[in-house]
Amino acid sequence: QESVEELWVLSDGVQLPLLKLLLEQIPHRVERWIHTDGTPVIPLDWIN
């Protein structure tokens, strides 16, 4: 119910639909992504 100030997203590029669902349902102000793969995988419609 409460907004989260900072939400960290740890991603290996797998299960992006699950991450997207969680991100949409968690009210938050700042999103910080950490990629364990050498190249970040973020769908274009998520950026900005």
ModelCIF file with pLDDT and N, C-alpha, C, O atoms, coordinates in Angstrom:
data_MODEL
#
_entry.id   MODEL 
#
_entity.id                         1 
_entity.type                       polymer 
_entity.pdbx_number_of_molecules   1 
#
_entity_poly.entity_id                      1 
_entity_poly.type                           'polypeptide(L)' 
_entity_poly.nstd_linkage                   no 
_entity_poly.nstd_monomer                   no 
_entity_poly.pdbx_seq_one_letter_code       QESVEELWVLSDGVQLPLLKLLLEQIPHRVERWIHTDGTPVIPLDWIN 
_entity_poly.pdbx_seq_one_letter_code_can   QESVEELWVLSDGVQLPLLKLLLEQIPHRVERWIHTDGTPVIPLDWIN 
_entity_poly.pdbx_strand_id                 A 
#
loop_
_entity_poly_seq.entity_id 
_entity_poly_seq.num 
_entity_poly_seq.mon_id 
_entity_poly_seq.hetero 
1 1  GLN n 
1 2  GLU n 
1 3  SER n 
1 4  VAL n 
1 5  GLU n 
1 6  GLU n 
1 7  LEU n 
1 8  TRP n 
1 9  VAL n 
1 10 LEU n 
1 11 SER n 
1 12 ASP n 
1 13 GLY n 
1 14 VAL n 
1 15 GLN n 
1 16 LEU n 
1 17 PRO n 
1 18 LEU n 
1 19 LEU n 
1 20 LYS n 
1 21 LEU n 
1 22 LEU n 
1 23 LEU n 
1 24 GLU n 
1 25 GLN n 
1 26 ILE n 
1 27 PRO n 
1 28 HIS n 
1 29 ARG n 
1 30 VAL n 
1 31 GLU n 
1 32 ARG n 
1 33 TRP n 
1 34 ILE n 
1 35 HIS n 
1 36 THR n 
1 37 ASP n 
1 38 GLY n 
1 39 THR n 
1 40 PRO n 
1 41 VAL n 
1 42 ILE n 
1 43 PRO n 
1 44 LEU n 
1 45 ASP n 
1 46 TRP n 
1 47 ILE n 
1 48 ASN n 
#
_struct_asym.id          A 
_struct_asym.entity_id   1 
#
loop_
_ma_qa_metric.id 
_ma_qa_metric.mode 
_ma_qa_metric.name 
_ma_qa_metric.software_group_id 
_ma_qa_metric.type 
1 global pLDDT . pLDDT 
2 local  pLDDT . pLDDT 
#
_ma_qa_metric_global.metric_id      1 
_ma_qa_metric_global.metric_value   77.27 
_ma_qa_metric_global.model_id       1 
_ma_qa_metric_global.ordinal_id     1 
#
loop_
_ma_qa_metric_local.label_asym_id 
_ma_qa_metric_local.label_comp_id 
_ma_qa_metric_local.label_seq_id 
_ma_qa_metric_local.metric_id 
_ma_qa_metric_local.metric_value 
_ma_qa_metric_local.model_id 
_ma_qa_metric_local.ordinal_id 
A GLN 1  2 67.00 1 1  
A GLU 2  2 73.00 1 2  
A SER 3  2 77.00 1 3  
A VAL 4  2 80.00 1 4  
A GLU 5  2 85.00 1 5  
A GLU 6  2 87.00 1 6  
A LEU 7  2 88.00 1 7  
A TRP 8  2 89.00 1 8  
A VAL 9  2 89.00 1 9  
A LEU 10 2 88.00 1 10 
A SER 11 2 87.00 1 11 
A ASP 12 2 85.00 1 12 
A GLY 13 2 80.00 1 13 
A VAL 14 2 79.00 1 14 
A GLN 15 2 81.00 1 15 
A LEU 16 2 83.00 1 16 
A PRO 17 2 83.00 1 17 
A LEU 18 2 83.00 1 18 
A LEU 19 2 86.00 1 19 
A LYS 20 2 85.00 1 20 
A LEU 21 2 84.00 1 21 
A LEU 22 2 84.00 1 22 
A LEU 23 2 86.00 1 23 
A GLU 24 2 85.00 1 24 
A GLN 25 2 84.00 1 25 
A ILE 26 2 86.00 1 26 
A PRO 27 2 86.00 1 27 
A HIS 28 2 88.00 1 28 
A ARG 29 2 88.00 1 29 
A VAL 30 2 87.00 1 30 
A GLU 31 2 87.00 1 31 
A ARG 32 2 87.00 1 32 
A TRP 33 2 85.00 1 33 
A ILE 34 2 83.00 1 34 
A HIS 35 2 82.00 1 35 
A THR 36 2 80.00 1 36 
A ASP 37 2 72.00 1 37 
A GLY 38 2 63.00 1 38 
A THR 39 2 60.00 1 39 
A PRO 40 2 55.00 1 40 
A VAL 41 2 56.00 1 41 
A ILE 42 2 58.00 1 42 
A PRO 43 2 55.00 1 43 
A LEU 44 2 54.00 1 44 
A ASP 45 2 56.00 1 45 
A TRP 46 2 57.00 1 46 
A ILE 47 2 53.00 1 47 
A ASN 48 2 53.00 1 48 
#
loop_
_atom_site.group_PDB 
_atom_site.id 
_atom_site.type_symbol 
_atom_site.label_atom_id 
_atom_site.label_alt_id 
_atom_site.label_comp_id 
_atom_site.label_asym_id 
_atom_site.label_entity_id 
_atom_site.label_seq_id 
_atom_site.pdbx_PDB_ins_code 
_atom_site.Cartn_x 
_atom_site.Cartn_y 
_atom_site.Cartn_z 
_atom_site.occupancy 
_atom_site.B_iso_or_equiv 
_atom_site.pdbx_formal_charge 
_atom_site.auth_seq_id 
_atom_site.auth_comp_id 
_atom_site.auth_asym_id 
_atom_site.auth_atom_id 
_atom_site.pdbx_PDB_model_num 
ATOM 1   N N  . GLN A 1 1  ? 0.813  -1.208  0.000   1.00 67.00 ? 1  GLN A N  1 
ATOM 2   C CA . GLN A 1 1  ? 0.000  0.000   0.000   1.00 67.00 ? 1  GLN A CA 1 
ATOM 3   C C  . GLN A 1 1  ? 0.851  1.264   0.000   1.00 67.00 ? 1  GLN A C  1 
ATOM 4   O O  . GLN A 1 1  ? 0.490  2.265   -0.619  1.00 67.00 ? 1  GLN A O  1 
ATOM 5   N N  . GLU A 1 2  ? 1.984  1.212   0.699   1.00 73.00 ? 2  GLU A N  1 
ATOM 6   C CA . GLU A 1 2  ? 2.830  2.387   0.803   1.00 73.00 ? 2  GLU A CA 1 
ATOM 7   C C  . GLU A 1 2  ? 3.820  2.429   -0.351  1.00 73.00 ? 2  GLU A C  1 
ATOM 8   O O  . GLU A 1 2  ? 4.218  1.392   -0.881  1.00 73.00 ? 2  GLU A O  1 
ATOM 9   N N  . SER A 1 3  ? 4.206  3.621   -0.729  1.00 77.00 ? 3  SER A N  1 
ATOM 10  C CA . SER A 1 3  ? 5.188  3.784   -1.789  1.00 77.00 ? 3  SER A CA 1 
ATOM 11  C C  . SER A 1 3  ? 6.581  3.448   -1.266  1.00 77.00 ? 3  SER A C  1 
ATOM 12  O O  . SER A 1 3  ? 6.945  3.816   -0.149  1.00 77.00 ? 3  SER A O  1 
ATOM 13  N N  . VAL A 1 4  ? 7.342  2.754   -2.079  1.00 80.00 ? 4  VAL A N  1 
ATOM 14  C CA . VAL A 1 4  ? 8.721  2.413   -1.764  1.00 80.00 ? 4  VAL A CA 1 
ATOM 15  C C  . VAL A 1 4  ? 9.590  3.508   -2.361  1.00 80.00 ? 4  VAL A C  1 
ATOM 16  O O  . VAL A 1 4  ? 9.427  3.865   -3.528  1.00 80.00 ? 4  VAL A O  1 
ATOM 17  N N  . GLU A 1 5  ? 10.496 4.033   -1.581  1.00 85.00 ? 5  GLU A N  1 
ATOM 18  C CA . GLU A 1 5  ? 11.356 5.105   -2.077  1.00 85.00 ? 5  GLU A CA 1 
ATOM 19  C C  . GLU A 1 5  ? 12.273 4.602   -3.191  1.00 85.00 ? 5  GLU A C  1 
ATOM 20  O O  . GLU A 1 5  ? 12.324 5.182   -4.276  1.00 85.00 ? 5  GLU A O  1 
ATOM 21  N N  . GLU A 1 6  ? 12.993 3.520   -2.912  1.00 87.00 ? 6  GLU A N  1 
ATOM 22  C CA . GLU A 1 6  ? 13.985 3.020   -3.847  1.00 87.00 ? 6  GLU A CA 1 
ATOM 23  C C  . GLU A 1 6  ? 13.768 1.527   -4.074  1.00 87.00 ? 6  GLU A C  1 
ATOM 24  O O  . GLU A 1 6  ? 13.765 0.742   -3.126  1.00 87.00 ? 6  GLU A O  1 
ATOM 25  N N  . LEU A 1 7  ? 13.591 1.148   -5.309  1.00 88.00 ? 7  LEU A N  1 
ATOM 26  C CA . LEU A 1 7  ? 13.375 -0.258  -5.655  1.00 88.00 ? 7  LEU A CA 1 
ATOM 27  C C  . LEU A 1 7  ? 14.541 -0.732  -6.507  1.00 88.00 ? 7  LEU A C  1 
ATOM 28  O O  . LEU A 1 7  ? 14.792 -0.197  -7.586  1.00 88.00 ? 7  LEU A O  1 
ATOM 29  N N  . TRP A 1 8  ? 15.246 -1.734  -6.016  1.00 89.00 ? 8  TRP A N  1 
ATOM 30  C CA . TRP A 1 8  ? 16.376 -2.309  -6.744  1.00 89.00 ? 8  TRP A CA 1 
ATOM 31  C C  . TRP A 1 8  ? 15.876 -3.510  -7.514  1.00 89.00 ? 8  TRP A C  1 
ATOM 32  O O  . TRP A 1 8  ? 15.117 -4.323  -6.986  1.00 89.00 ? 8  TRP A O  1 
ATOM 33  N N  . VAL A 1 9  ? 16.300 -3.625  -8.768  1.00 89.00 ? 9  VAL A N  1 
ATOM 34  C CA . VAL A 1 9  ? 15.898 -4.721  -9.640  1.00 89.00 ? 9  VAL A CA 1 
ATOM 35  C C  . VAL A 1 9  ? 17.165 -5.464  -10.060 1.00 89.00 ? 9  VAL A C  1 
ATOM 36  O O  . VAL A 1 9  ? 18.015 -4.917  -10.764 1.00 89.00 ? 9  VAL A O  1 
ATOM 37  N N  . LEU A 1 10 ? 17.280 -6.706  -9.625  1.00 88.00 ? 10 LEU A N  1 
ATOM 38  C CA . LEU A 1 10 ? 18.421 -7.548  -9.965  1.00 88.00 ? 10 LEU A CA 1 
ATOM 39  C C  . LEU A 1 10 ? 17.986 -8.462  -11.096 1.00 88.00 ? 10 LEU A C  1 
ATOM 40  O O  . LEU A 1 10 ? 17.097 -9.295  -10.918 1.00 88.00 ? 10 LEU A O  1 
ATOM 41  N N  . SER A 1 11 ? 18.613 -8.311  -12.264 1.00 87.00 ? 11 SER A N  1 
ATOM 42  C CA . SER A 1 11 ? 18.139 -9.025  -13.448 1.00 87.00 ? 11 SER A CA 1 
ATOM 43  C C  . SER A 1 11 ? 19.258 -9.728  -14.193 1.00 87.00 ? 11 SER A C  1 
ATOM 44  O O  . SER A 1 11 ? 20.367 -9.210  -14.321 1.00 87.00 ? 11 SER A O  1 
ATOM 45  N N  . ASP A 1 12 ? 18.943 -10.915 -14.680 1.00 85.00 ? 12 ASP A N  1 
ATOM 46  C CA . ASP A 1 12 ? 19.846 -11.640 -15.571 1.00 85.00 ? 12 ASP A CA 1 
ATOM 47  C C  . ASP A 1 12 ? 19.231 -11.753 -16.963 1.00 85.00 ? 12 ASP A C  1 
ATOM 48  O O  . ASP A 1 12 ? 19.704 -12.524 -17.797 1.00 85.00 ? 12 ASP A O  1 
ATOM 49  N N  . GLY A 1 13 ? 18.177 -10.984 -17.206 1.00 80.00 ? 13 GLY A N  1 
ATOM 50  C CA . GLY A 1 13 ? 17.509 -11.002 -18.504 1.00 80.00 ? 13 GLY A CA 1 
ATOM 51  C C  . GLY A 1 13 ? 16.457 -12.090 -18.633 1.00 80.00 ? 13 GLY A C  1 
ATOM 52  O O  . GLY A 1 13 ? 15.819 -12.209 -19.679 1.00 80.00 ? 13 GLY A O  1 
ATOM 53  N N  . VAL A 1 14 ? 16.267 -12.884 -17.589 1.00 79.00 ? 14 VAL A N  1 
ATOM 54  C CA . VAL A 1 14 ? 15.288 -13.972 -17.590 1.00 79.00 ? 14 VAL A CA 1 
ATOM 55  C C  . VAL A 1 14 ? 14.071 -13.524 -16.788 1.00 79.00 ? 14 VAL A C  1 
ATOM 56  O O  . VAL A 1 14 ? 14.199 -12.779 -15.816 1.00 79.00 ? 14 VAL A O  1 
ATOM 57  N N  . GLN A 1 15 ? 12.909 -13.975 -17.194 1.00 81.00 ? 15 GLN A N  1 
ATOM 58  C CA . GLN A 1 15 ? 11.657 -13.678 -16.474 1.00 81.00 ? 15 GLN A CA 1 
ATOM 59  C C  . GLN A 1 15 ? 11.331 -12.186 -16.453 1.00 81.00 ? 15 GLN A C  1 
ATOM 60  O O  . GLN A 1 15 ? 10.842 -11.676 -15.445 1.00 81.00 ? 15 GLN A O  1 
ATOM 61  N N  . LEU A 1 16 ? 11.595 -11.489 -17.542 1.00 83.00 ? 16 LEU A N  1 
ATOM 62  C CA . LEU A 1 16 ? 11.254 -10.064 -17.605 1.00 83.00 ? 16 LEU A CA 1 
ATOM 63  C C  . LEU A 1 16 ? 9.762  -9.805  -17.430 1.00 83.00 ? 16 LEU A C  1 
ATOM 64  O O  . LEU A 1 16 ? 9.408  -8.799  -16.815 1.00 83.00 ? 16 LEU A O  1 
ATOM 65  N N  . PRO A 1 17 ? 8.857  -10.661 -17.941 1.00 83.00 ? 17 PRO A N  1 
ATOM 66  C CA . PRO A 1 17 ? 7.431  -10.405 -17.692 1.00 83.00 ? 17 PRO A CA 1 
ATOM 67  C C  . PRO A 1 17 ? 7.087  -10.400 -16.196 1.00 83.00 ? 17 PRO A C  1 
ATOM 68  O O  . PRO A 1 17 ? 6.252  -9.610  -15.757 1.00 83.00 ? 17 PRO A O  1 
ATOM 69  N N  . LEU A 1 18 ? 7.722  -11.273 -15.419 1.00 83.00 ? 18 LEU A N  1 
ATOM 70  C CA . LEU A 1 18 ? 7.478  -11.291 -13.974 1.00 83.00 ? 18 LEU A CA 1 
ATOM 71  C C  . LEU A 1 18 ? 7.982  -10.000 -13.335 1.00 83.00 ? 18 LEU A C  1 
ATOM 72  O O  . LEU A 1 18 ? 7.291  -9.400  -12.512 1.00 83.00 ? 18 LEU A O  1 
ATOM 73  N N  . LEU A 1 19 ? 9.179  -9.577  -13.712 1.00 86.00 ? 19 LEU A N  1 
ATOM 74  C CA . LEU A 1 19 ? 9.713  -8.323  -13.169 1.00 86.00 ? 19 LEU A CA 1 
ATOM 75  C C  . LEU A 1 19 ? 8.812  -7.149  -13.535 1.00 86.00 ? 19 LEU A C  1 
ATOM 76  O O  . LEU A 1 19 ? 8.566  -6.271  -12.708 1.00 86.00 ? 19 LEU A O  1 
ATOM 77  N N  . LYS A 1 20 ? 8.324  -7.131  -14.766 1.00 85.00 ? 20 LYS A N  1 
ATOM 78  C CA . LYS A 1 20 ? 7.443  -6.050  -15.203 1.00 85.00 ? 20 LYS A CA 1 
ATOM 79  C C  . LYS A 1 20 ? 6.163  -6.029  -14.376 1.00 85.00 ? 20 LYS A C  1 
ATOM 80  O O  . LYS A 1 20 ? 5.702  -4.962  -13.971 1.00 85.00 ? 20 LYS A O  1 
ATOM 81  N N  . LEU A 1 21 ? 5.591  -7.193  -14.126 1.00 84.00 ? 21 LEU A N  1 
ATOM 82  C CA . LEU A 1 21 ? 4.378  -7.282  -13.312 1.00 84.00 ? 21 LEU A CA 1 
ATOM 83  C C  . LEU A 1 21 ? 4.629  -6.750  -11.907 1.00 84.00 ? 21 LEU A C  1 
ATOM 84  O O  . LEU A 1 21 ? 3.825  -5.977  -11.385 1.00 84.00 ? 21 LEU A O  1 
ATOM 85  N N  . LEU A 1 22 ? 5.729  -7.152  -11.294 1.00 84.00 ? 22 LEU A N  1 
ATOM 86  C CA . LEU A 1 22 ? 6.051  -6.664  -9.954  1.00 84.00 ? 22 LEU A CA 1 
ATOM 87  C C  . LEU A 1 22 ? 6.271  -5.156  -9.950  1.00 84.00 ? 22 LEU A C  1 
ATOM 88  O O  . LEU A 1 22 ? 5.789  -4.456  -9.059  1.00 84.00 ? 22 LEU A O  1 
ATOM 89  N N  . LEU A 1 23 ? 7.000  -4.656  -10.949 1.00 86.00 ? 23 LEU A N  1 
ATOM 90  C CA . LEU A 1 23 ? 7.267  -3.216  -11.020 1.00 86.00 ? 23 LEU A CA 1 
ATOM 91  C C  . LEU A 1 23 ? 5.986  -2.399  -11.155 1.00 86.00 ? 23 LEU A C  1 
ATOM 92  O O  . LEU A 1 23 ? 5.858  -1.324  -10.569 1.00 86.00 ? 23 LEU A O  1 
ATOM 93  N N  . GLU A 1 24 ? 5.042  -2.920  -11.933 1.00 85.00 ? 24 GLU A N  1 
ATOM 94  C CA . GLU A 1 24 ? 3.775  -2.208  -12.137 1.00 85.00 ? 24 GLU A CA 1 
ATOM 95  C C  . GLU A 1 24 ? 2.919  -2.182  -10.879 1.00 85.00 ? 24 GLU A C  1 
ATOM 96  O O  . GLU A 1 24 ? 2.097  -1.281  -10.707 1.00 85.00 ? 24 GLU A O  1 
ATOM 97  N N  . GLN A 1 25 ? 3.103  -3.154  -10.005 1.00 84.00 ? 25 GLN A N  1 
ATOM 98  C CA . GLN A 1 25 ? 2.239  -3.263  -8.832  1.00 84.00 ? 25 GLN A CA 1 
ATOM 99  C C  . GLN A 1 25 ? 2.860  -2.726  -7.547  1.00 84.00 ? 25 GLN A C  1 
ATOM 100 O O  . GLN A 1 25 ? 2.202  -2.677  -6.508  1.00 84.00 ? 25 GLN A O  1 
ATOM 101 N N  . ILE A 1 26 ? 4.112  -2.330  -7.618  1.00 86.00 ? 26 ILE A N  1 
ATOM 102 C CA . ILE A 1 26 ? 4.781  -1.789  -6.433  1.00 86.00 ? 26 ILE A CA 1 
ATOM 103 C C  . ILE A 1 26 ? 4.962  -0.283  -6.626  1.00 86.00 ? 26 ILE A C  1 
ATOM 104 O O  . ILE A 1 26 ? 5.757  0.139   -7.466  1.00 86.00 ? 26 ILE A O  1 
ATOM 105 N N  . PRO A 1 27 ? 4.241  0.524   -5.866  1.00 86.00 ? 27 PRO A N  1 
ATOM 106 C CA . PRO A 1 27 ? 4.436  1.969   -5.993  1.00 86.00 ? 27 PRO A CA 1 
ATOM 107 C C  . PRO A 1 27 ? 5.852  2.321   -5.538  1.00 86.00 ? 27 PRO A C  1 
ATOM 108 O O  . PRO A 1 27 ? 6.252  1.978   -4.425  1.00 86.00 ? 27 PRO A O  1 
ATOM 109 N N  . HIS A 1 28 ? 6.602  3.001   -6.394  1.00 88.00 ? 28 HIS A N  1 
ATOM 110 C CA . HIS A 1 28 ? 7.970  3.375   -6.038  1.00 88.00 ? 28 HIS A CA 1 
ATOM 111 C C  . HIS A 1 28 ? 8.368  4.654   -6.754  1.00 88.00 ? 28 HIS A C  1 
ATOM 112 O O  . HIS A 1 28 ? 7.789  5.030   -7.773  1.00 88.00 ? 28 HIS A O  1 
ATOM 113 N N  . ARG A 1 29 ? 9.390  5.322   -6.182  1.00 88.00 ? 29 ARG A N  1 
ATOM 114 C CA . ARG A 1 29 ? 9.849  6.588   -6.750  1.00 88.00 ? 29 ARG A CA 1 
ATOM 115 C C  . ARG A 1 29 ? 11.071 6.392   -7.639  1.00 88.00 ? 29 ARG A C  1 
ATOM 116 O O  . ARG A 1 29 ? 11.142 6.956   -8.731  1.00 88.00 ? 29 ARG A O  1 
ATOM 117 N N  . VAL A 1 30 ? 12.028 5.600   -7.181  1.00 87.00 ? 30 VAL A N  1 
ATOM 118 C CA . VAL A 1 30 ? 13.283 5.414   -7.896  1.00 87.00 ? 30 VAL A CA 1 
ATOM 119 C C  . VAL A 1 30 ? 13.484 3.935   -8.193  1.00 87.00 ? 30 VAL A C  1 
ATOM 120 O O  . VAL A 1 30 ? 13.246 3.074   -7.346  1.00 87.00 ? 30 VAL A O  1 
ATOM 121 N N  . GLU A 1 31 ? 13.920 3.665   -9.395  1.00 87.00 ? 31 GLU A N  1 
ATOM 122 C CA . GLU A 1 31 ? 14.177 2.292   -9.841  1.00 87.00 ? 31 GLU A CA 1 
ATOM 123 C C  . GLU A 1 31 ? 15.656 2.174   -10.182 1.00 87.00 ? 31 GLU A C  1 
ATOM 124 O O  . GLU A 1 31 ? 16.172 2.952   -10.984 1.00 87.00 ? 31 GLU A O  1 
ATOM 125 N N  . ARG A 1 32 ? 16.334 1.213   -9.583  1.00 87.00 ? 32 ARG A N  1 
ATOM 126 C CA . ARG A 1 32 ? 17.752 1.007   -9.871  1.00 87.00 ? 32 ARG A CA 1 
ATOM 127 C C  . ARG A 1 32 ? 17.932 -0.431  -10.372 1.00 87.00 ? 32 ARG A C  1 
ATOM 128 O O  . ARG A 1 32 ? 17.599 -1.390  -9.676  1.00 87.00 ? 32 ARG A O  1 
ATOM 129 N N  . TRP A 1 33 ? 18.458 -0.558  -11.579 1.00 85.00 ? 33 TRP A N  1 
ATOM 130 C CA . TRP A 1 33 ? 18.658 -1.864  -12.208 1.00 85.00 ? 33 TRP A CA 1 
ATOM 131 C C  . TRP A 1 33 ? 20.104 -2.310  -12.055 1.00 85.00 ? 33 TRP A C  1 
ATOM 132 O O  . TRP A 1 33 ? 21.035 -1.524  -12.229 1.00 85.00 ? 33 TRP A O  1 
ATOM 133 N N  . ILE A 1 34 ? 20.273 -3.567  -11.731 1.00 83.00 ? 34 ILE A N  1 
ATOM 134 C CA . ILE A 1 34 ? 21.590 -4.191  -11.707 1.00 83.00 ? 34 ILE A CA 1 
ATOM 135 C C  . ILE A 1 34 ? 21.506 -5.420  -12.594 1.00 83.00 ? 34 ILE A C  1 
ATOM 136 O O  . ILE A 1 34 ? 20.661 -6.292  -12.391 1.00 83.00 ? 34 ILE A O  1 
ATOM 137 N N  . HIS A 1 35 ? 22.383 -5.476  -13.569 1.00 82.00 ? 35 HIS A N  1 
ATOM 138 C CA . HIS A 1 35 ? 22.379 -6.574  -14.539 1.00 82.00 ? 35 HIS A CA 1 
ATOM 139 C C  . HIS A 1 35 ? 23.559 -7.501  -14.271 1.00 82.00 ? 35 HIS A C  1 
ATOM 140 O O  . HIS A 1 35 ? 24.702 -7.054  -14.184 1.00 82.00 ? 35 HIS A O  1 
ATOM 141 N N  . THR A 1 36 ? 23.276 -8.780  -14.144 1.00 80.00 ? 36 THR A N  1 
ATOM 142 C CA . THR A 1 36 ? 24.349 -9.737  -13.926 1.00 80.00 ? 36 THR A CA 1 
ATOM 143 C C  . THR A 1 36 ? 24.945 -10.199 -15.243 1.00 80.00 ? 36 THR A C  1 
ATOM 144 O O  . THR A 1 36 ? 26.007 -10.820 -15.266 1.00 80.00 ? 36 THR A O  1 
ATOM 145 N N  . ASP A 1 37 ? 24.269 -9.900  -16.328 1.00 72.00 ? 37 ASP A N  1 
ATOM 146 C CA . ASP A 1 37 ? 24.775 -10.211 -17.652 1.00 72.00 ? 37 ASP A CA 1 
ATOM 147 C C  . ASP A 1 37 ? 25.580 -8.996  -18.130 1.00 72.00 ? 37 ASP A C  1 
ATOM 148 O O  . ASP A 1 37 ? 25.372 -7.882  -17.651 1.00 72.00 ? 37 ASP A O  1 
ATOM 149 N N  . GLY A 1 38 ? 26.482 -9.214  -19.060 1.00 63.00 ? 38 GLY A N  1 
ATOM 150 C CA . GLY A 1 38 ? 27.308 -8.123  -19.558 1.00 63.00 ? 38 GLY A CA 1 
ATOM 151 C C  . GLY A 1 38 ? 26.524 -7.046  -20.290 1.00 63.00 ? 38 GLY A C  1 
ATOM 152 O O  . GLY A 1 38 ? 26.937 -5.887  -20.306 1.00 63.00 ? 38 GLY A O  1 
ATOM 153 N N  . THR A 1 39 ? 25.399 -7.410  -20.896 1.00 60.00 ? 39 THR A N  1 
ATOM 154 C CA . THR A 1 39 ? 24.602 -6.435  -21.629 1.00 60.00 ? 39 THR A CA 1 
ATOM 155 C C  . THR A 1 39 ? 23.213 -6.350  -21.026 1.00 60.00 ? 39 THR A C  1 
ATOM 156 O O  . THR A 1 39 ? 22.519 -7.363  -20.941 1.00 60.00 ? 39 THR A O  1 
ATOM 157 N N  . PRO A 1 40 ? 22.794 -5.173  -20.609 1.00 55.00 ? 40 PRO A N  1 
ATOM 158 C CA . PRO A 1 40 ? 21.459 -5.024  -20.014 1.00 55.00 ? 40 PRO A CA 1 
ATOM 159 C C  . PRO A 1 40 ? 20.354 -5.392  -21.000 1.00 55.00 ? 40 PRO A C  1 
ATOM 160 O O  . PRO A 1 40 ? 20.438 -5.107  -22.194 1.00 55.00 ? 40 PRO A O  1 
ATOM 161 N N  . VAL A 1 41 ? 19.334 -6.024  -20.472 1.00 56.00 ? 41 VAL A N  1 
ATOM 162 C CA . VAL A 1 41 ? 18.169 -6.361  -21.279 1.00 56.00 ? 41 VAL A CA 1 
ATOM 163 C C  . VAL A 1 41 ? 16.974 -5.666  -20.654 1.00 56.00 ? 41 VAL A C  1 
ATOM 164 O O  . VAL A 1 41 ? 16.412 -6.140  -19.667 1.00 56.00 ? 41 VAL A O  1 
ATOM 165 N N  . ILE A 1 42 ? 16.591 -4.534  -21.239 1.00 58.00 ? 42 ILE A N  1 
ATOM 166 C CA . ILE A 1 42 ? 15.402 -3.811  -20.787 1.00 58.00 ? 42 ILE A CA 1 
ATOM 167 C C  . ILE A 1 42 ? 14.575 -3.523  -22.029 1.00 58.00 ? 42 ILE A C  1 
ATOM 168 O O  . ILE A 1 42 ? 15.051 -2.854  -22.946 1.00 58.00 ? 42 ILE A O  1 
ATOM 169 N N  . PRO A 1 43 ? 13.347 -4.016  -22.074 1.00 55.00 ? 43 PRO A N  1 
ATOM 170 C CA . PRO A 1 43 ? 12.499 -3.719  -23.235 1.00 55.00 ? 43 PRO A CA 1 
ATOM 171 C C  . PRO A 1 43 ? 12.336 -2.220  -23.428 1.00 55.00 ? 43 PRO A C  1 
ATOM 172 O O  . PRO A 1 43 ? 12.229 -1.473  -22.455 1.00 55.00 ? 43 PRO A O  1 
ATOM 173 N N  . LEU A 1 44 ? 12.316 -1.782  -24.668 1.00 54.00 ? 44 LEU A N  1 
ATOM 174 C CA . LEU A 1 44 ? 12.250 -0.353  -24.976 1.00 54.00 ? 44 LEU A CA 1 
ATOM 175 C C  . LEU A 1 44 ? 11.047 0.338   -24.352 1.00 54.00 ? 44 LEU A C  1 
ATOM 176 O O  . LEU A 1 44 ? 11.140 1.507   -23.979 1.00 54.00 ? 44 LEU A O  1 
ATOM 177 N N  . ASP A 1 45 ? 9.914  -0.358  -24.229 1.00 56.00 ? 45 ASP A N  1 
ATOM 178 C CA . ASP A 1 45 ? 8.731  0.295   -23.665 1.00 56.00 ? 45 ASP A CA 1 
ATOM 179 C C  . ASP A 1 45 ? 8.845  0.524   -22.156 1.00 56.00 ? 45 ASP A C  1 
ATOM 180 O O  . ASP A 1 45 ? 7.976  1.175   -21.577 1.00 56.00 ? 45 ASP A O  1 
ATOM 181 N N  . TRP A 1 46 ? 9.889  0.008   -21.505 1.00 57.00 ? 46 TRP A N  1 
ATOM 182 C CA . TRP A 1 46 ? 10.093 0.233   -20.076 1.00 57.00 ? 46 TRP A CA 1 
ATOM 183 C C  . TRP A 1 46 ? 10.953 1.444   -19.814 1.00 57.00 ? 46 TRP A C  1 
ATOM 184 O O  . TRP A 1 46 ? 10.888 2.031   -18.733 1.00 57.00 ? 46 TRP A O  1 
ATOM 185 N N  . ILE A 1 47 ? 11.757 1.827   -20.783 1.00 53.00 ? 47 ILE A N  1 
ATOM 186 C CA . ILE A 1 47 ? 12.710 2.911   -20.587 1.00 53.00 ? 47 ILE A CA 1 
ATOM 187 C C  . ILE A 1 47 ? 11.953 4.241   -20.507 1.00 53.00 ? 47 ILE A C  1 
ATOM 188 O O  . ILE A 1 47 ? 11.069 4.517   -21.318 1.00 53.00 ? 47 ILE A O  1 
ATOM 189 N N  . ASN A 1 48 ? 12.313 5.045   -19.530 1.00 53.00 ? 48 ASN A N  1 
ATOM 190 C CA . ASN A 1 48 ? 11.744 6.381   -19.311 1.00 53.00 ? 48 ASN A CA 1 
ATOM 191 C C  . ASN A 1 48 ? 10.244 6.356   -19.020 1.00 53.00 ? 48 ASN A C  1 
ATOM 192 O O  . ASN A 1 48 ? 9.637  7.408   -18.816 1.00 53.00 ? 48 ASN A O  1 
#
